[in-house]
Protein backbone atom coordinates (compact mmCIF):
# COMPACT_ATOMS: atom_id res chain seq x y z
CA MET A 1 4.77 -4.16 -6.38
CA VAL A 2 2.41 -6.65 -7.95
CA GLU A 3 0.35 -4.70 -10.47
CA ARG A 4 -3.37 -4.78 -9.94
CA LYS A 5 -6.00 -2.75 -11.77
CA THR A 6 -7.89 -1.68 -8.65
CA PRO A 7 -6.87 -0.30 -5.26
CA TYR A 8 -7.17 -2.16 -1.97
CA VAL A 9 -10.06 -0.41 -0.22
CA ILE A 10 -9.77 -1.03 3.51
CA LYS A 11 -11.58 0.24 6.59
CA GLU A 12 -8.63 0.93 8.89
CA GLN A 13 -8.66 1.46 12.62
CA ALA A 14 -6.55 4.23 14.18
CA GLY A 15 -2.87 3.35 14.53
CA THR A 16 0.37 3.05 12.61
CA LYS A 17 0.22 0.93 9.46
CA ALA A 18 3.04 -0.46 7.32
CA TYR A 19 2.02 -0.95 3.69
CA CYS A 20 4.12 -3.09 1.34
CA ALA A 21 6.36 -1.22 -1.10
CA CYS A 22 8.27 -4.17 -2.60
CA GLY A 23 5.42 -6.44 -3.73
CA LYS A 24 6.94 -9.48 -2.01
CA SER A 25 4.66 -9.55 1.04
CA ASN A 26 2.45 -12.58 1.58
CA ASN A 27 -0.03 -10.21 3.22
CA ILE A 28 -0.40 -7.45 0.58
CA PRO A 29 -1.18 -4.60 0.97
CA TYR A 30 0.50 -4.88 4.38
CA CYS A 31 4.23 -5.33 4.91
CA ASP A 32 5.34 -8.65 6.39
CA GLY A 33 9.11 -8.00 6.29
CA SER A 34 9.68 -9.79 2.97
CA HIS A 35 11.54 -6.69 1.72
CA ASP A 36 14.60 -7.56 3.84
CA GLY A 37 17.66 -7.40 1.61
CA THR A 38 15.91 -5.50 -1.20
CA GLY A 39 16.90 -2.02 -0.08
CA MET A 40 13.21 -1.08 0.01
CA THR A 41 11.20 -0.07 3.06
CA PRO A 42 7.46 -0.12 3.69
CA TYR A 43 5.22 2.93 3.54
CA ILE A 44 4.54 3.85 7.16
CA VAL A 45 1.28 5.72 7.71
CA LYS A 46 -0.23 7.00 10.94
CA ILE A 47 -4.01 6.84 10.84
CA GLU A 48 -5.50 9.23 13.39
CA GLU A 49 -9.04 7.85 13.44
CA GLU A 50 -11.00 5.02 11.85
CA LYS A 51 -11.44 5.65 8.14
CA THR A 52 -11.59 3.92 4.78
CA VAL A 53 -8.44 4.18 2.68
CA ALA A 54 -7.67 3.19 -0.92
CA ILE A 55 -4.17 1.70 -1.09
CA CYS A 56 -2.53 1.67 -4.53
CA GLY A 57 -2.60 -1.73 -6.20
CA CYS A 58 -0.89 -0.86 -9.49
CA GLY A 59 2.34 0.52 -8.03
CA HIS A 60 2.26 3.68 -10.16
CA SER A 61 0.45 6.22 -7.95
CA SER A 62 2.19 9.55 -7.48
CA ASN A 63 0.76 9.60 -3.95
CA MET A 64 1.99 6.25 -2.60
CA PRO A 65 0.77 4.35 -0.73
CA TYR A 66 -2.58 5.86 -1.65
CA CYS A 67 -4.40 5.34 -4.94
CA ASP A 68 -4.58 8.41 -7.19
CA GLY A 69 -6.44 6.74 -10.08
CA THR A 70 -3.34 6.11 -12.22
CA HIS A 71 -4.47 2.49 -12.74
CA LEU A 72 -7.27 3.83 -14.97
CA SER A 73 -4.73 4.88 -17.61
CA LEU A 74 -2.57 1.73 -17.58
């Protein structure tokens, strides 16, 4: 994943989301299929109701795809 020092804070609607795990997407933090051939798969998350989420931007969270604040110590 492309390292960034802040999370992607997004107001998401209910539904299934695919967040990029490989860092190759042209639509980060969302998966666009660019991982094909890498052996990696996106993080699939079902969002039950509209809410704001913080998606990890540094690639080091222990709670992927969500931010856990690890970027603060990098």
